[in-house]
Protein backbone atom coordinates (compact mmCIF):
# COMPACT_ATOMS: atom_id res chain seq x y z
CA UNK A 1 -74.55 18.91 -35.32
CA UNK A 2 -77.27 20.98 -37.37
CA UNK A 3 -76.55 24.22 -39.57
CA UNK A 4 -77.83 25.93 -36.65
CA UNK A 5 -75.11 24.20 -34.00
CA UNK A 6 -72.53 25.35 -36.40
CA UNK A 7 -72.78 28.68 -36.93
CA UNK A 8 -69.86 29.93 -34.99
CA UNK A 9 -72.23 33.29 -33.45
CA UNK A 10 -74.68 31.44 -32.21
CA UNK A 11 -72.08 28.90 -30.58
CA UNK A 12 -70.92 31.69 -29.26
CA UNK A 13 -73.94 33.70 -27.95
CA UNK A 14 -74.89 29.99 -25.96
CA UNK A 15 -70.92 30.30 -25.09
CA UNK A 16 -71.37 34.18 -22.98
CA UNK A 17 -74.79 32.98 -21.75
CA UNK A 18 -73.36 29.81 -20.13
CA UNK A 19 -69.94 31.34 -18.76
CA UNK A 20 -68.77 28.93 -20.52
CA UNK A 21 -66.66 31.99 -22.25
CA UNK A 22 -65.19 36.09 -21.87
CA UNK A 23 -66.07 38.27 -23.92
CA UNK A 24 -62.85 40.83 -23.92
CA UNK A 25 -61.29 43.59 -25.86
CA UNK A 26 -57.98 43.16 -27.95
CA UNK A 27 -54.72 43.69 -25.57
CA UNK A 28 -51.92 46.18 -26.25
CA UNK A 29 -49.95 44.57 -28.33
CA UNK A 30 -52.85 42.61 -29.83
CA UNK A 31 -54.09 45.90 -31.83
CA UNK A 32 -51.01 46.06 -33.98
CA UNK A 33 -51.94 43.02 -36.09
CA UNK A 34 -55.62 44.87 -36.49
CA UNK A 35 -54.49 48.34 -36.50
CA UNK A 36 -51.01 48.29 -37.80
CA UNK A 37 -50.27 44.73 -39.89
CA UNK A 38 -50.01 45.86 -43.22
CA UNK A 39 -51.13 42.25 -43.81
CA UNK A 40 -55.44 40.73 -42.22
CA UNK A 41 -54.82 39.20 -39.19
CA UNK A 42 -55.98 35.87 -40.81
CA UNK A 43 -52.43 35.50 -42.90
CA UNK A 44 -49.67 33.46 -41.87
CA UNK A 45 -47.49 36.30 -42.02
CA UNK A 46 -48.56 36.52 -38.48
CA UNK A 47 -47.59 32.92 -37.81
CA UNK A 48 -45.14 31.67 -35.15
CA UNK A 49 -43.75 27.89 -36.12
CA UNK A 50 -41.28 26.13 -34.63
CA UNK A 51 -40.85 21.87 -34.89
CA UNK A 52 -39.65 19.35 -32.29
CA UNK A 53 -37.08 16.68 -34.68
CA UNK A 54 -38.46 13.12 -31.75
CA UNK A 55 -35.37 10.23 -31.41
CA UNK A 56 -36.76 6.90 -30.08
CA UNK A 57 -39.98 5.68 -28.86
CA UNK A 58 -43.10 8.19 -28.67
CA UNK A 59 -46.93 8.10 -27.70
CA UNK A 60 -49.28 9.66 -29.21
CA UNK A 61 -51.62 9.29 -26.08
CA UNK A 62 -49.71 10.54 -24.11
CA UNK A 63 -48.58 13.63 -26.14
CA UNK A 64 -52.07 14.44 -26.47
CA UNK A 65 -52.76 13.88 -23.04
CA UNK A 66 -49.78 16.30 -21.95
CA UNK A 67 -51.39 18.65 -24.05
CA UNK A 68 -54.06 18.93 -22.72
CA UNK A 69 -52.65 19.57 -19.52
CA UNK A 70 -50.90 23.10 -21.31
CA UNK A 71 -54.58 23.70 -23.09
CA UNK A 72 -55.99 23.84 -19.37
CA UNK A 73 -52.91 25.35 -17.78
CA UNK A 74 -52.60 29.12 -20.79
CA UNK A 75 -55.59 30.41 -21.34
CA UNK A 76 -53.88 31.92 -24.48
CA UNK A 77 -54.23 28.59 -26.47
CA UNK A 78 -58.41 28.72 -25.69
CA UNK A 79 -58.49 32.05 -26.89
CA UNK A 80 -60.32 33.02 -30.84
CA UNK A 81 -61.52 35.91 -31.49
CA UNK A 82 -64.64 38.12 -32.52
CA UNK A 83 -64.75 40.82 -35.95
CA UNK A 84 -67.41 42.57 -35.44
CA UNK A 85 -69.24 46.39 -36.92
CA UNK A 86 -66.74 48.05 -33.82
CA UNK A 87 -63.24 46.97 -32.75
CA UNK A 88 -62.10 43.04 -32.96
CA UNK A 89 -62.84 41.40 -29.44
CA UNK A 90 -60.94 38.15 -27.92
CA UNK A 91 -63.71 35.16 -26.88
CA UNK A 92 -61.45 32.76 -23.74
CA UNK A 93 -63.23 29.93 -23.80
CA UNK A 94 -63.36 28.32 -19.58
CA UNK A 95 -62.81 24.97 -21.07
CA UNK A 96 -61.42 23.79 -24.81
CA UNK A 97 -60.30 20.67 -26.11
CA UNK A 98 -56.87 19.45 -27.03
CA UNK A 99 -56.23 19.20 -31.13
CA UNK A 100 -53.84 17.72 -31.83
CA UNK A 101 -53.15 15.61 -35.68
CA UNK A 102 -51.28 12.85 -36.47
CA UNK A 103 -50.54 12.14 -40.38
CA UNK A 104 -47.49 9.01 -41.76
CA UNK A 105 -45.38 10.16 -44.10
CA UNK A 106 -43.94 8.11 -46.46
CA UNK A 107 -40.13 9.04 -46.35
CA UNK A 108 -38.08 11.71 -44.62
CA UNK A 109 -37.57 13.79 -48.26
CA UNK A 110 -41.09 14.61 -48.01
CA UNK A 111 -40.89 15.79 -44.26
CA UNK A 112 -40.54 19.08 -45.28
CA UNK A 113 -43.16 20.09 -47.70
CA UNK A 114 -45.95 18.09 -44.39
CA UNK A 115 -44.34 20.59 -42.57
CA UNK A 116 -44.62 23.88 -45.09
CA UNK A 117 -48.18 22.70 -45.36
CA UNK A 118 -48.59 22.93 -41.60
CA UNK A 119 -47.20 26.16 -41.01
CA UNK A 120 -49.00 27.49 -44.15
CA UNK A 121 -52.51 26.31 -43.71
CA UNK A 122 -54.67 29.39 -41.62
CA UNK A 123 -56.64 29.18 -38.74
CA UNK A 124 -60.43 30.49 -38.29
CA UNK A 125 -59.94 32.80 -35.76
CA UNK A 126 -63.20 33.12 -35.08
CA UNK A 127 -64.31 29.54 -34.17
CA UNK A 128 -60.27 28.34 -32.70
CA UNK A 129 -57.97 26.82 -31.63
CA UNK A 130 -55.64 29.81 -33.03
CA UNK A 131 -53.12 27.09 -32.25
CA UNK A 132 -51.72 23.73 -34.78
CA UNK A 133 -49.64 20.62 -32.72
CA UNK A 134 -49.15 18.13 -35.76
CA UNK A 135 -47.52 15.13 -35.44
CA UNK A 136 -45.67 13.83 -38.26
CA UNK A 137 -44.29 10.22 -37.74
CA UNK A 138 -41.84 9.09 -40.51
CA UNK A 139 -40.80 5.83 -38.91
CA UNK A 140 -41.78 4.06 -35.22
CA UNK A 141 -38.95 5.61 -33.46
CA UNK A 142 -38.84 9.07 -35.79
CA UNK A 143 -41.14 11.67 -35.12
CA UNK A 144 -41.36 15.50 -36.48
CA UNK A 145 -43.85 17.56 -34.32
CA UNK A 146 -44.82 20.50 -35.86
CA UNK A 147 -46.52 23.40 -33.84
CA UNK A 148 -47.56 26.37 -34.69
CA UNK A 149 -49.22 29.22 -33.35
CA UNK A 150 -50.36 32.27 -33.82
CA UNK A 151 -48.92 35.97 -33.50
CA UNK A 152 -52.21 36.74 -31.01
CA UNK A 153 -51.35 34.55 -28.35
CA UNK A 154 -48.03 34.59 -28.96
CA UNK A 155 -44.65 35.55 -28.73
CA UNK A 156 -41.02 34.55 -29.34
CA UNK A 157 -40.91 33.50 -25.58
CA UNK A 158 -44.56 31.53 -25.62
CA UNK A 159 -42.58 29.30 -27.63
CA UNK A 160 -39.98 28.33 -24.38
CA UNK A 161 -43.07 28.66 -22.08
CA UNK A 162 -45.52 26.18 -24.63
CA UNK A 163 -41.89 23.34 -24.84
CA UNK A 164 -41.09 23.55 -20.91
CA UNK A 165 -44.84 23.12 -20.22
CA UNK A 166 -45.46 20.43 -22.67
CA UNK A 167 -42.51 18.27 -21.96
CA UNK A 168 -42.71 18.49 -18.15
CA UNK A 169 -46.44 17.69 -18.53
CA UNK A 170 -45.75 15.02 -21.32
CA UNK A 171 -42.97 13.32 -18.09
CA UNK A 172 -46.33 13.80 -15.58
CA UNK A 173 -48.38 11.21 -17.95
CA UNK A 174 -45.12 8.63 -18.46
CA UNK A 175 -44.99 8.76 -15.10
CA UNK A 176 -49.29 8.32 -14.82
CA UNK A 177 -49.05 5.32 -16.82
CA UNK A 178 -46.34 3.66 -14.85
CA UNK A 179 -43.44 4.22 -16.41
CA UNK A 180 -40.89 4.96 -13.43
CA UNK A 181 -39.14 8.32 -14.57
CA UNK A 182 -36.48 9.61 -12.77
CA UNK A 183 -36.73 13.49 -11.97
CA UNK A 184 -35.99 15.29 -15.08
CA UNK A 185 -33.52 18.42 -14.80
CA UNK A 186 -35.56 21.80 -15.41
CA UNK A 187 -39.04 20.57 -15.81
CA UNK A 188 -41.65 20.62 -13.44
CA UNK A 189 -43.43 17.78 -11.18
CA UNK A 190 -47.04 19.42 -11.09
CA UNK A 191 -48.31 22.46 -13.70
CA UNK A 192 -49.70 25.07 -11.13
CA UNK A 193 -51.89 27.83 -12.51
CA UNK A 194 -49.79 30.45 -13.77
CA UNK A 195 -49.35 33.27 -11.50
CA UNK A 196 -51.05 36.16 -13.52
CA UNK A 197 -53.44 35.29 -16.54
CA UNK A 198 -52.75 36.70 -20.21
CA UNK A 199 -55.76 38.72 -19.44
CA UNK A 200 -54.94 39.79 -16.00
CA UNK A 201 -51.70 41.14 -16.88
CA UNK A 202 -54.31 43.40 -19.72
CA UNK A 203 -56.08 44.43 -16.96
CA UNK A 204 -53.25 45.80 -16.50
CA UNK A 205 -51.70 47.40 -19.12
CA UNK A 206 -54.26 48.69 -20.07
CA UNK A 207 -54.96 50.70 -16.51
CA UNK A 208 -51.40 52.18 -16.86
CA UNK A 209 -51.37 53.22 -20.61
CA UNK A 210 -53.99 56.18 -19.30
CA UNK A 211 -53.62 58.95 -21.57
CA UNK A 212 -51.12 60.87 -19.83
CA UNK A 213 -48.13 58.04 -19.98
CA UNK A 214 -49.11 57.74 -23.78
CA UNK A 215 -48.93 61.89 -24.09
CA UNK A 216 -45.01 61.28 -22.72
CA UNK A 217 -44.44 58.42 -24.89
CA UNK A 218 -45.39 59.46 -27.18
CA UNK A 219 -44.15 63.20 -27.50
CA UNK A 220 -40.90 60.57 -27.46
CA UNK A 221 -41.52 59.26 -30.41
CA UNK A 222 -42.62 62.25 -32.31
CA UNK A 223 -39.56 64.32 -31.66
CA UNK A 224 -37.32 61.05 -32.21
CA UNK A 225 -39.39 59.37 -35.84
CA UNK A 226 -39.91 63.42 -37.03
CA UNK A 227 -38.31 63.36 -40.86
CA UNK A 228 -37.55 59.66 -40.83
CA UNK A 229 -38.33 57.17 -43.84
CA UNK A 230 -38.53 54.31 -44.86
CA UNK A 231 -35.24 52.26 -45.96
CA UNK A 232 -36.65 51.23 -49.14
CA UNK A 233 -38.00 54.32 -51.73
CA UNK A 234 -41.21 52.90 -53.16
CA UNK A 235 -42.42 48.83 -51.71
CA UNK A 236 -42.84 45.93 -54.26
CA UNK A 237 -46.47 45.94 -54.77
CA UNK A 238 -50.08 45.71 -53.23
CA UNK A 239 -50.87 41.87 -52.62
CA UNK A 240 -48.78 39.86 -49.63
CA UNK A 241 -46.11 37.87 -50.85
CA UNK A 242 -44.67 34.74 -49.30
CA UNK A 243 -40.93 35.88 -48.05
CA UNK A 244 -38.23 33.97 -48.27
CA UNK A 245 -35.27 32.68 -46.17
CA UNK A 246 -31.89 32.26 -46.31
CA UNK A 247 -30.21 31.07 -43.97
CA UNK A 248 -26.20 31.39 -42.53
CA UNK A 249 -24.38 31.91 -39.55
CA UNK A 250 -21.54 33.74 -37.90
CA UNK A 251 -18.28 31.52 -37.58
CA UNK A 252 -17.33 31.11 -34.20
CA UNK A 253 -14.91 32.70 -33.94
CA UNK A 254 -16.31 36.09 -35.79
CA UNK A 255 -19.77 35.51 -32.48
CA UNK A 256 -16.77 34.63 -30.06
CA UNK A 257 -14.97 38.94 -31.32
CA UNK A 258 -18.63 40.46 -31.56
CA UNK A 259 -18.35 39.24 -27.49
CA UNK A 260 -15.23 40.61 -26.43
CA UNK A 261 -16.01 43.98 -28.64
CA UNK A 262 -19.10 44.03 -26.81
CA UNK A 263 -17.16 43.66 -23.07
CA UNK A 264 -14.73 45.68 -23.76
CA UNK A 265 -16.93 48.08 -24.85
CA UNK A 266 -19.45 48.28 -22.33
CA UNK A 267 -22.33 47.99 -23.63
CA UNK A 268 -24.56 44.58 -25.32
CA UNK A 269 -24.25 41.98 -27.34
CA UNK A 270 -27.04 42.92 -29.04
CA UNK A 271 -25.73 47.17 -29.69
CA UNK A 272 -22.56 45.79 -30.66
CA UNK A 273 -24.09 43.65 -33.80
CA UNK A 274 -27.05 46.55 -34.79
CA UNK A 275 -23.63 48.72 -34.51
CA UNK A 276 -22.59 45.55 -37.15
CA UNK A 277 -25.79 45.61 -39.51
CA UNK A 278 -25.74 49.30 -39.72
CA UNK A 279 -22.72 49.48 -41.45
CA UNK A 280 -23.74 46.68 -43.60
CA UNK A 281 -26.36 48.25 -44.23
CA UNK A 282 -24.96 51.50 -45.31
CA UNK A 283 -22.16 49.45 -47.19
CA UNK A 284 -25.04 48.21 -49.01
CA UNK A 285 -27.27 51.38 -50.22
CA UNK A 286 -25.48 54.19 -49.49
CA UNK A 287 -28.62 55.39 -46.78
CA UNK A 288 -27.41 56.48 -43.14
CA UNK A 289 -30.46 57.32 -41.00
CA UNK A 290 -32.26 54.26 -40.87
CA UNK A 291 -34.91 52.77 -39.08
CA UNK A 292 -35.43 49.67 -37.89
CA UNK A 293 -38.10 47.40 -36.11
CA UNK A 294 -36.87 45.17 -33.15
CA UNK A 295 -38.65 43.32 -30.82
CA UNK A 296 -38.57 43.96 -26.60
CA UNK A 297 -40.46 41.27 -24.62
CA UNK A 298 -42.48 43.02 -22.51
CA UNK A 299 -42.78 41.17 -19.07
CA UNK A 300 -41.00 43.24 -16.72
CA UNK A 301 -44.42 42.49 -14.69
CA UNK A 302 -44.27 39.63 -12.44
CA UNK A 303 -45.68 36.41 -12.96
CA UNK A 304 -45.77 36.02 -16.77
CA UNK A 305 -42.49 34.75 -17.13
CA UNK A 306 -44.90 30.52 -16.76
CA UNK A 307 -47.66 33.15 -19.36
CA UNK A 308 -48.54 32.29 -22.56
CA UNK A 309 -49.69 35.31 -24.49
CA UNK A 310 -48.62 37.82 -27.10
CA UNK A 311 -46.55 40.08 -25.33
CA UNK A 312 -43.77 41.53 -27.32
CA UNK A 313 -43.76 45.31 -28.07
CA UNK A 314 -42.17 46.20 -31.10
CA UNK A 315 -38.88 49.35 -30.36
CA UNK A 316 -38.30 51.32 -33.82
CA UNK A 317 -34.72 52.20 -33.27
CA UNK A 318 -33.52 55.05 -35.08
CA UNK A 319 -29.45 55.11 -35.94
CA UNK A 320 -27.71 57.39 -38.10
CA UNK A 321 -24.85 57.00 -39.16
CA UNK A 322 -21.68 59.03 -39.02
CA UNK A 323 -19.33 57.87 -41.85
CA UNK A 324 -16.33 59.14 -40.72
CA UNK A 325 -16.39 58.45 -36.79
CA UNK A 326 -14.22 55.41 -35.70
CA UNK A 327 -17.15 52.20 -34.93
CA UNK A 328 -16.29 52.40 -31.31
CA UNK A 329 -17.63 55.71 -30.79
CA UNK A 330 -20.09 54.30 -32.78
CA UNK A 331 -21.10 51.54 -31.11
CA UNK A 332 -21.25 53.67 -27.82
CA UNK A 333 -23.25 56.12 -29.26
CA UNK A 334 -25.86 53.13 -30.27
CA UNK A 335 -26.01 51.94 -27.42
CA UNK A 336 -27.23 54.40 -25.02
CA UNK A 337 -29.24 55.99 -27.72
CA UNK A 338 -30.91 52.32 -27.74
CA UNK A 339 -31.25 52.01 -24.32
CA UNK A 340 -33.21 56.02 -23.68
CA UNK A 341 -35.40 54.03 -27.36
CA UNK A 342 -36.45 50.94 -24.57
CA UNK A 343 -36.35 52.88 -22.05
CA UNK A 344 -39.75 54.95 -23.80
CA UNK A 345 -40.75 51.84 -25.52
CA UNK A 346 -45.27 51.67 -25.65
CA UNK A 347 -47.99 50.20 -27.64
CA UNK A 348 -47.14 50.35 -31.03
CA UNK A 349 -51.16 51.48 -32.74
CA UNK A 350 -50.28 54.75 -30.47
CA UNK A 351 -47.23 55.01 -31.38
CA UNK A 352 -47.42 54.83 -35.22
CA UNK A 353 -50.97 57.28 -34.30
CA UNK A 354 -48.71 59.80 -32.54
CA UNK A 355 -46.16 59.53 -35.86
CA UNK A 356 -49.15 60.23 -38.39
CA UNK A 357 -47.71 57.10 -40.09
CA UNK A 358 -50.70 54.33 -41.22
CA UNK A 359 -49.88 50.89 -42.69
CA UNK A 360 -49.24 51.07 -46.29
CA UNK A 361 -50.25 48.51 -49.24
CA UNK A 362 -48.62 45.37 -48.00
CA UNK A 363 -46.31 47.80 -45.77
CA UNK A 364 -45.62 48.23 -42.16
CA UNK A 365 -45.84 51.93 -40.94
CA UNK A 366 -43.07 53.62 -39.82
CA UNK A 367 -39.98 50.70 -40.35
CA UNK A 368 -39.55 48.89 -43.55
CA UNK A 369 -36.06 46.80 -41.90
CA UNK A 370 -36.84 44.26 -39.32
CA UNK A 371 -33.39 43.58 -37.14
CA UNK A 372 -33.52 41.81 -33.95
CA UNK A 373 -31.21 39.63 -31.68
CA UNK A 374 -33.58 36.33 -30.47
CA UNK A 375 -32.17 35.48 -26.78
CA UNK A 376 -35.50 35.18 -25.26
CA UNK A 377 -35.08 31.70 -22.79
CA UNK A 378 -35.96 28.04 -24.44
CA UNK A 379 -35.57 24.90 -22.70
CA UNK A 380 -33.59 21.99 -23.52
CA UNK A 381 -35.51 19.80 -23.98
CA UNK A 382 -34.86 16.42 -22.02
CA UNK A 383 -37.26 13.13 -22.34
CA UNK A 384 -36.27 9.80 -20.71
CA UNK A 385 -34.81 7.13 -23.35
CA UNK A 386 -35.44 10.41 -26.57
CA UNK A 387 -33.63 12.78 -28.07
CA UNK A 388 -34.87 16.31 -29.25
CA UNK A 389 -34.01 19.07 -31.14
CA UNK A 390 -35.87 22.67 -31.32
CA UNK A 391 -35.16 24.78 -33.99
CA UNK A 392 -37.69 27.48 -34.60
CA UNK A 393 -38.85 28.18 -38.49
CA UNK A 394 -39.50 31.20 -40.15
CA UNK A 395 -42.15 31.14 -42.69
CA UNK A 396 -45.44 33.99 -44.01
CA UNK A 397 -46.28 36.60 -46.35
CA UNK A 398 -44.26 39.72 -45.26
CA UNK A 399 -45.28 41.94 -42.84
CA UNK A 400 -41.26 44.38 -43.72
CA UNK A 401 -39.45 43.80 -46.92
CA UNK A 402 -36.26 42.77 -45.64
CA UNK A 403 -35.47 40.86 -41.63
CA UNK A 404 -32.16 40.28 -39.74
CA UNK A 405 -32.77 37.74 -37.36
CA UNK A 406 -29.62 36.37 -35.00
CA UNK A 407 -30.17 33.06 -32.68
CA UNK A 408 -27.35 31.73 -30.74
CA UNK A 409 -26.73 28.36 -31.77
CA UNK A 410 -24.28 27.06 -29.44
CA UNK A 411 -20.75 28.32 -29.87
CA UNK A 412 -21.78 30.64 -33.08
CA UNK A 413 -24.58 32.50 -34.29
CA UNK A 414 -27.92 31.37 -36.35
CA UNK A 415 -28.76 34.23 -39.41
CA UNK A 416 -31.83 34.11 -40.74
CA UNK A 417 -32.21 36.60 -43.56
CA UNK A 418 -35.27 37.60 -44.22
CA UNK A 419 -37.30 38.82 -47.40
CA UNK A 420 -39.51 40.10 -50.40
CA UNK A 421 -38.39 39.09 -53.26
CA UNK A 422 -39.71 42.22 -55.63
CA UNK A 423 -38.08 44.68 -53.52
CA UNK A 424 -35.08 42.55 -52.41
CA UNK A 425 -33.18 39.88 -54.67
CA UNK A 426 -31.75 37.07 -53.03
CA UNK A 427 -27.46 38.18 -54.39
CA UNK A 428 -28.66 41.76 -52.68
CA UNK A 429 -29.21 38.94 -49.38
CA UNK A 430 -25.66 37.12 -50.29
CA UNK A 431 -24.37 40.39 -50.61
CA UNK A 432 -25.82 41.88 -47.31
CA UNK A 433 -24.61 39.20 -45.29
CA UNK A 434 -20.93 39.11 -46.45
CA UNK A 435 -21.15 42.62 -46.10
CA UNK A 436 -22.31 42.08 -42.35
CA UNK A 437 -19.12 38.98 -41.78
CA UNK A 438 -16.94 41.50 -42.89
CA UNK A 439 -17.96 44.32 -40.96
CA UNK A 440 -17.73 42.46 -37.37
CA UNK A 441 -13.80 41.15 -39.06
CA UNK A 442 -13.62 44.84 -39.10
CA UNK A 443 -13.95 45.55 -35.86
CA UNK A 444 -12.70 42.33 -34.51
CA UNK A 445 -9.05 43.85 -35.31
CA UNK A 446 -9.52 47.00 -34.99
CA UNK A 447 -12.97 48.88 -32.78
CA UNK A 448 -11.07 52.91 -34.20
CA UNK A 449 -12.17 52.04 -38.13
CA UNK A 450 -14.43 54.09 -40.04
CA UNK A 451 -17.33 52.83 -41.75
CA UNK A 452 -16.25 55.32 -44.63
CA UNK A 453 -12.98 52.60 -45.48
CA UNK A 454 -13.33 49.94 -48.03
CA UNK A 455 -13.67 46.62 -46.57
CA UNK A 456 -10.75 44.15 -45.59
CA UNK A 457 -10.27 42.05 -48.73
């Protein structure tokens, strides 16, 4: 290939001229990464990562064939980005090769290092692709698929869509290879076109968010966030740093107690956990007024359940604690307010502009604490003669100072703490995790307890 042919802009001009690619504006959700994130779009902070550990006979060739089918179905996997003099734009190709890498790992002890390198390797935003599927082969019957997606083409829900598409396509490839495979529960018999493409959804969203609708929602957030402050008074430096992670879990009895508490109060599990987190923050730092950033799926339109792409929005939840108010009353109030906040969810770039809070050096505007209950659908993986285990991975550079992400794991709740080490120390995270569990224990024993009371021993 000559240097001219290797020039991505020359290649782009050829694609556009021949109809091989379309140039589209950023979606409203993608704009947040370019306009409001404290780190550059190409930073590994924007990677969504997962692993699938596979025990049993697994074929690289069939894996590649399955990936080829998913790439053909999902235009997000055929998307890259062009940064021009004005605003960035999407480059969506009609066809693209499936890129699957494979490497042998000498021992299980080297798996974490291999996965870390796959997760942290930056993407070429112009050349693409903006996904990475790497087969790490430990033994003939032991593989790990490292999955990495750039946030501009994916969100948490997208991970579940990819897993379902890929697994269905792998089973179809098995059948086409002549192997007898019985029907697998929950998997598709074919991979038809998605109901609504990501670019089609984006066009509908742009038609919805015209000036009157933006102004109506912006007025709400101007009032709602007036006088709010970041949780941490000062940042942790002017350069991106790797996030550190601590994984804990709520015991099954505590998790069941939280579920029961939410049920009897007539609120969601999210609201119960949010309120417990709010009280834990108060007991940790004595801060009563906190703005938390939380994701919402943003998939209300018909036809997008099986579409890969960055749909998820960000909603700032402002929780103001009265330490003398019983926990149960705080819970009901928080739930009611969260329902209203979600009802006024809007594109975050427009929200940040409306409230006049641009991002600072390595700091997100509006909030610096993230709270998320990850309950988007991720299907169980069933393959004939193979056992699998899917795990999401939190990696990257900080886009916030501390985050609490909760994911249901069987009968318990996994708690992943992400923190910026120049702002939050490891001991602080241990303390905050302990406080969260204490608050949930207190609420389970007596929902009428007041946050101002000393925690139980």
